[in-house]
Structure formats: structure tokens, C-alpha cells
Amino acid sequence: MQTASQTKSRYKMIPYEAASPEVKEIYDDTKKTLQLPFVLNWFKCQGENATLLKGNWSKLKHTLMEGKVPNVLKQLIIYNVSKERGCQYCAHAHGIFADSMSSMISEEDGFKATEQMNSPSMPTSYKMAVKVVTKAALYHSDISDDDFAELEKAGFSHLEIQELMAQADLVNMLNTIADVSGIKIDNELLETPE
């Protein structure tokens, strides 16, 4: 969480125009993969260190954007953990991403995934995944065999459960970098219509 006295990132923000060729290549990949016309502040605060940015982007890209578990569910998990932890940057960004995919969950008029996580329109399997993976992210030592059994009972395969649990690790990295760096929510995300 940002303090009132904190007005800028603790890390140097590297805009696209000032980035090295290697960092520009990573920035371009983030925009293409995330289908965004701009580079998120989360990446720009790492733009001074191409090695760090490359490693963190690779982890994020492969864990969040690939695999068998639907991206909308992964986004909901990251949104929920971030909200519970109080990471405003990640809760805001991933809430927008999850809500933009709400029609993949329900075609109900006005359905917004982040606002209707407990509604009857939300699949029971999604509710269980969000609950268990949030627990794994916030209280990993409390995860038990029963939690894995609940995910299996909800219909997730062993590979999907492993992929879901990887979101707990990913969101911890995302939240840590966002909070430690002190980045602000991107202006472009603030302008996103509700």
C-alpha cells in the first residue's frame, strides 16, 4: 500500500522511448501478449534491469497466459489475493483484466466477475479455486491434502491443480514488486470505462 508521502516509484521508471533494445523487445512482447497498446508500470519499474525484467516477464507470461486453466480464472485469483492483501496496483489491474473477460463466465447482462464472485452465475469450481489458491498465497503453510481433494472434487485435474497453485506463487511476486516499488496505477488503466 502506498503512503500519502509517497508520490513516485522507488525504482526508476523506464518509458518505452528510453528503453534499451533488449528491454524494448520485452516491452513489445508484453503489449502483444497482454493485448495492450501501452507498457504497464509494473514492467517499466523493472526496465532498468533487463535480466530481472526478462526473468519476471517469462514467469508471468508462462504461468498466467499459458496452460489449461482459463485465463479469466487466473486473473480472478490474482485479483482476489491482491485485494485481500491490500495490493492496490495488482487488484486494480487484474480486476480490469478479469472483468474484461466476464462474458467467458456468464452472458448475464451486467455481469462483472469481480463483483459477482459469490453469485450463482459463478461456477462452483471457480469459487473453490479462488478460495483455495487465495489460502495458498496468503497462508501457504495451512494448505492441506483436504484442499487438494476439494479442487479435485470441483473437477480439476492434477495438472490443473499444479497450475492453479502456481498462481499463488505468481501473485506473491506480482504483489511484492508492485508494493516494494511503490508504482502507481497506470493512467491508461484509470481511464478504462467501468
Protein backbone atom coordinates (compact mmCIF):
# COMPACT_ATOMS: atom_id res chain seq x y z
CA MET A 1 0.00 0.00 0.00
CA GLN A 2 1.25 3.45 -0.83
CA THR A 3 1.68 6.01 1.89
CA ALA A 4 0.43 9.56 1.50
CA SER A 5 4.00 10.88 1.38
CA GLN A 6 4.99 8.52 -1.40
CA THR A 7 4.49 10.31 -4.70
CA LYS A 8 6.61 8.30 -7.13
CA SER A 9 8.10 4.90 -7.76
CA ARG A 10 11.10 3.89 -5.68
CA TYR A 11 12.56 2.39 -8.86
CA LYS A 12 13.47 4.35 -11.95
CA MET A 13 10.59 4.10 -14.43
CA ILE A 14 11.89 3.39 -17.92
CA PRO A 15 9.44 4.52 -20.61
CA TYR A 16 9.42 2.71 -23.93
CA GLU A 17 11.26 5.52 -25.73
CA ALA A 18 14.17 5.44 -23.25
CA ALA A 19 14.47 1.64 -23.05
CA SER A 20 17.42 -0.36 -24.34
CA PRO A 21 16.79 -2.52 -27.43
CA GLU A 22 16.62 -5.65 -25.23
CA VAL A 23 14.07 -4.05 -22.90
CA LYS A 24 12.05 -2.69 -25.86
CA GLU A 25 11.82 -6.25 -27.19
CA ILE A 26 10.41 -7.42 -23.85
CA TYR A 27 8.07 -4.42 -23.66
CA ASP A 28 6.79 -5.25 -27.17
CA ASP A 29 6.15 -8.84 -26.11
CA THR A 30 4.22 -7.71 -23.01
CA LYS A 31 1.99 -5.45 -25.14
CA LYS A 32 1.39 -8.17 -27.74
CA THR A 33 0.75 -10.95 -25.21
CA LEU A 34 -1.46 -8.87 -22.90
CA GLN A 35 -3.14 -7.17 -25.88
CA LEU A 36 -2.42 -3.70 -24.51
CA PRO A 37 -1.40 -0.62 -26.52
CA PHE A 38 0.94 0.53 -23.71
CA VAL A 39 3.56 -0.84 -21.30
CA LEU A 40 2.30 -1.37 -17.77
CA ASN A 41 4.08 0.43 -14.92
CA TRP A 42 4.79 -3.00 -13.38
CA PHE A 43 7.19 -3.65 -16.26
CA LYS A 44 8.51 -0.09 -16.56
CA CYS A 45 9.72 -0.13 -12.94
CA GLN A 46 11.95 -3.08 -13.90
CA GLY A 47 13.09 -1.61 -17.23
CA GLU A 48 16.46 -0.53 -15.92
CA ASN A 49 17.38 -4.17 -15.25
CA ALA A 50 16.88 -6.24 -18.42
CA THR A 51 17.87 -9.50 -16.71
CA LEU A 52 15.31 -9.08 -13.93
CA LEU A 53 12.60 -7.92 -16.33
CA LYS A 54 13.23 -10.83 -18.70
CA GLY A 55 13.00 -13.40 -15.89
CA ASN A 56 9.90 -11.91 -14.28
CA TRP A 57 8.13 -11.48 -17.62
CA SER A 58 8.94 -15.06 -18.60
CA LYS A 59 7.47 -16.35 -15.32
CA LEU A 60 4.37 -14.15 -15.62
CA LYS A 61 3.83 -14.99 -19.31
CA HIS A 62 4.11 -18.75 -18.91
CA THR A 63 2.28 -19.03 -15.59
CA LEU A 64 -0.59 -16.62 -16.28
CA MET A 65 -1.05 -16.62 -20.05
CA GLU A 66 -0.45 -20.28 -20.92
CA GLY A 67 -1.77 -23.63 -19.71
CA LYS A 68 -5.07 -25.45 -19.34
CA VAL A 69 -6.71 -23.30 -16.64
CA PRO A 70 -8.77 -20.46 -18.21
CA ASN A 71 -7.05 -17.09 -18.03
CA VAL A 72 -10.15 -15.46 -16.57
CA LEU A 73 -9.93 -17.77 -13.54
CA LYS A 74 -6.24 -16.99 -13.08
CA GLN A 75 -7.00 -13.26 -13.29
CA LEU A 76 -9.75 -13.65 -10.67
CA ILE A 77 -7.35 -15.44 -8.34
CA ILE A 78 -4.73 -12.70 -8.70
CA TYR A 79 -7.41 -10.04 -8.24
CA ASN A 80 -8.77 -11.71 -5.10
CA VAL A 81 -5.40 -12.32 -3.44
CA SER A 82 -4.26 -8.78 -4.27
CA LYS A 83 -7.46 -7.32 -2.83
CA GLU A 84 -7.16 -9.44 0.34
CA ARG A 85 -3.53 -8.42 0.78
CA GLY A 86 -4.19 -4.75 0.01
CA CYS A 87 -2.03 -4.50 -3.12
CA GLN A 88 -3.97 -1.75 -4.84
CA TYR A 89 -1.97 -1.83 -8.07
CA CYS A 90 -2.48 -5.53 -8.76
CA ALA A 91 -6.08 -5.61 -7.52
CA HIS A 92 -6.98 -2.74 -9.86
CA ALA A 93 -5.11 -4.05 -12.92
CA HIS A 94 -6.15 -7.69 -12.61
CA GLY A 95 -9.70 -6.70 -11.70
CA ILE A 96 -9.92 -4.87 -15.03
CA PHE A 97 -8.46 -7.85 -16.89
CA ALA A 98 -10.86 -10.29 -15.18
CA ASP A 99 -13.89 -8.08 -15.77
CA SER A 100 -12.98 -7.69 -19.44
CA MET A 101 -13.37 -11.48 -19.74
CA SER A 102 -16.59 -11.74 -17.70
CA SER A 103 -18.59 -12.94 -20.71
CA MET A 104 -16.48 -16.12 -20.68
CA ILE A 105 -18.13 -16.94 -17.34
CA SER A 106 -21.68 -15.64 -17.83
CA GLU A 107 -23.60 -13.90 -20.61
CA GLU A 108 -25.90 -12.37 -17.99
CA ASP A 109 -26.41 -8.63 -18.61
CA GLY A 110 -24.14 -6.51 -16.45
CA PHE A 111 -22.19 -9.49 -15.09
CA LYS A 112 -18.82 -8.36 -13.70
CA ALA A 113 -16.72 -11.25 -12.45
CA THR A 114 -15.01 -9.27 -9.68
CA GLU A 115 -18.31 -8.06 -8.25
CA GLN A 116 -20.11 -11.39 -8.50
CA MET A 117 -17.54 -13.86 -7.24
CA ASN A 118 -20.13 -15.49 -4.96
CA SER A 119 -23.12 -15.25 -7.29
CA PRO A 120 -24.93 -18.33 -8.63
CA SER A 121 -23.61 -17.38 -12.09
CA MET A 122 -20.02 -18.02 -10.97
CA PRO A 123 -19.12 -21.70 -11.49
CA THR A 124 -18.67 -23.62 -8.24
CA SER A 125 -15.27 -24.83 -9.48
CA TYR A 126 -14.12 -21.20 -9.90
CA LYS A 127 -15.28 -20.30 -6.40
CA MET A 128 -13.39 -23.27 -4.95
CA ALA A 129 -10.23 -22.45 -6.94
CA VAL A 130 -10.27 -18.81 -5.83
CA LYS A 131 -10.81 -19.83 -2.20
CA VAL A 132 -8.07 -22.49 -2.08
CA VAL A 133 -5.45 -20.59 -4.09
CA THR A 134 -6.05 -17.42 -2.06
CA LYS A 135 -5.37 -19.50 1.04
CA ALA A 136 -2.22 -20.90 -0.60
CA ALA A 137 -0.95 -17.41 -1.43
CA LEU A 138 -1.68 -15.86 1.96
CA TYR A 139 -1.20 -18.84 4.29
CA HIS A 140 0.75 -21.44 2.31
CA SER A 141 1.70 -23.48 5.38
CA ASP A 142 -2.03 -24.04 6.08
CA ILE A 143 -2.66 -25.84 2.78
CA SER A 144 -3.67 -29.46 3.39
CA ASP A 145 -4.48 -32.63 1.48
CA ASP A 146 -8.13 -31.70 2.01
CA ASP A 147 -7.63 -28.53 -0.04
CA PHE A 148 -6.24 -30.58 -2.92
CA ALA A 149 -9.14 -33.04 -2.55
CA GLU A 150 -11.62 -30.15 -2.75
CA LEU A 151 -10.04 -28.97 -6.00
CA GLU A 152 -10.19 -32.49 -7.42
CA LYS A 153 -13.82 -32.80 -6.33
CA ALA A 154 -14.51 -29.49 -8.13
CA GLY A 155 -13.28 -31.12 -11.34
CA PHE A 156 -9.66 -30.01 -11.65
CA SER A 157 -7.04 -32.50 -12.85
CA HIS A 158 -3.68 -32.91 -11.10
CA LEU A 159 -2.00 -30.81 -13.79
CA GLU A 160 -4.63 -28.06 -13.44
CA ILE A 161 -4.21 -28.06 -9.66
CA GLN A 162 -0.47 -27.61 -10.06
CA GLU A 163 -1.15 -24.75 -12.48
CA LEU A 164 -3.63 -23.18 -10.05
CA MET A 165 -1.15 -23.38 -7.19
CA ALA A 166 1.46 -21.69 -9.39
CA GLN A 167 -0.85 -18.64 -9.36
CA ALA A 168 -0.28 -18.37 -5.60
CA ASP A 169 3.45 -18.05 -6.21
CA LEU A 170 2.93 -15.69 -9.15
CA VAL A 171 0.62 -13.30 -7.29
CA ASN A 172 3.08 -13.12 -4.41
CA MET A 173 5.78 -12.00 -6.85
CA LEU A 174 3.43 -9.54 -8.57
CA ASN A 175 2.28 -8.01 -5.27
CA THR A 176 5.78 -7.81 -3.83
CA ILE A 177 7.22 -5.96 -6.82
CA ALA A 178 4.21 -3.62 -7.05
CA ASP A 179 4.23 -2.75 -3.35
CA VAL A 180 8.01 -2.56 -2.86
CA SER A 181 8.49 -0.38 -5.95
CA GLY A 182 5.64 1.94 -4.98
CA ILE A 183 4.29 2.11 -8.54
CA LYS A 184 1.03 3.89 -9.16
CA ILE A 185 -1.87 2.56 -11.19
CA ASP A 186 -1.33 3.25 -14.87
CA ASN A 187 -3.19 6.31 -16.19
CA GLU A 188 -4.38 4.16 -19.10
CA LEU A 189 -6.00 1.74 -16.64
CA LEU A 190 -7.61 4.56 -14.68
CA GLU A 191 -9.20 5.73 -17.95
CA THR A 192 -10.72 2.30 -18.61
CA PRO A 193 -14.51 2.63 -18.65
CA GLU A 194 -16.40 0.80 -15.92
